[in-house]
Protein backbone atom coordinates (compact mmCIF):
# COMPACT_ATOMS: atom_id res chain seq x y z
CA UNK A 1 9.80 -18.23 -26.28
CA UNK A 2 12.60 -16.26 -24.55
CA UNK A 3 10.09 -13.58 -23.56
CA UNK A 4 7.86 -16.18 -21.91
CA UNK A 5 10.81 -17.66 -20.01
CA UNK A 6 11.87 -14.22 -18.78
CA UNK A 7 8.32 -13.42 -17.71
CA UNK A 8 8.12 -16.72 -15.80
CA UNK A 9 11.36 -15.99 -13.95
CA UNK A 10 10.28 -12.45 -13.06
CA UNK A 11 6.81 -13.55 -11.94
CA UNK A 12 8.29 -16.29 -9.77
CA UNK A 13 10.75 -13.82 -8.24
CA UNK A 14 7.90 -11.54 -7.25
CA UNK A 15 5.96 -14.35 -5.61
CA UNK A 16 8.85 -15.58 -3.46
CA UNK A 17 10.16 -12.11 -2.55
CA UNK A 18 8.92 -11.17 0.90
CA UNK A 19 9.92 -8.02 2.75
CA UNK A 20 12.09 -8.46 5.85
CA UNK A 21 10.00 -7.52 8.90
CA UNK A 22 13.14 -6.61 10.85
CA UNK A 23 13.97 -3.98 8.22
CA UNK A 24 10.53 -2.76 7.12
CA UNK A 25 8.33 -3.46 10.15
CA UNK A 26 5.32 -5.77 10.37
CA UNK A 27 3.21 -6.59 7.34
CA UNK A 28 0.10 -4.43 7.34
CA UNK A 29 -3.33 -5.73 6.38
CA UNK A 30 -5.05 -3.63 3.74
CA UNK A 31 -8.64 -2.52 4.14
CA UNK A 32 -11.10 -0.32 2.30
CA UNK A 33 -11.78 2.98 4.05
CA UNK A 34 -15.17 4.58 3.50
CA UNK A 35 -14.81 7.66 1.32
CA UNK A 36 -11.74 6.43 -0.51
CA UNK A 37 -11.53 5.21 -4.08
CA UNK A 38 -8.33 3.22 -3.81
CA UNK A 39 -4.81 4.52 -3.86
CA UNK A 40 -1.34 3.87 -5.20
CA UNK A 41 0.62 5.81 -2.57
CA UNK A 42 0.15 6.89 1.04
CA UNK A 43 2.02 9.19 3.39
CA UNK A 44 1.49 9.90 7.08
CA UNK A 45 2.37 13.39 8.27
CA UNK A 46 1.41 14.46 11.76
CA UNK A 47 -2.28 13.80 12.39
CA UNK A 48 -3.11 13.06 8.75
CA UNK A 49 -2.83 10.25 6.22
CA UNK A 50 -2.64 11.33 2.58
CA UNK A 51 -3.77 8.78 -0.03
CA UNK A 52 -3.06 9.49 -3.71
CA UNK A 53 -4.38 7.57 -6.66
CA UNK A 54 -6.06 7.77 -10.05
CA UNK A 55 -6.08 11.56 -10.25
CA UNK A 56 -7.21 12.09 -6.67
CA UNK A 57 -5.81 12.98 -3.26
CA UNK A 58 -7.76 12.01 -0.15
CA UNK A 59 -6.81 13.25 3.32
CA UNK A 60 -7.81 11.37 6.48
CA UNK A 61 -7.48 12.50 10.11
CA UNK A 62 -6.02 9.50 11.96
CA UNK A 63 -5.24 10.53 15.54
CA UNK A 64 -8.66 10.47 17.21
CA UNK A 65 -9.45 6.88 16.09
CA UNK A 66 -6.73 5.31 13.92
CA UNK A 67 -8.85 2.21 13.24
CA UNK A 68 -11.57 4.41 11.74
CA UNK A 69 -9.98 7.34 9.85
CA UNK A 70 -12.20 10.34 9.06
């Protein structure tokens, strides 16, 4: 029973925890990008966005049209 109580507290904490926009910037909406298979981490460096996940690394050029990465 103690494990269930701990799980409930942790799950509730995750639901009510919201990042502070003043510290972290605005909340970004996620979207599926054609040619990607999902990711667990992203990094922007220069003109490129690097998306890593599930044994893969996908690189997108983002400067010419950021709304539609290539």
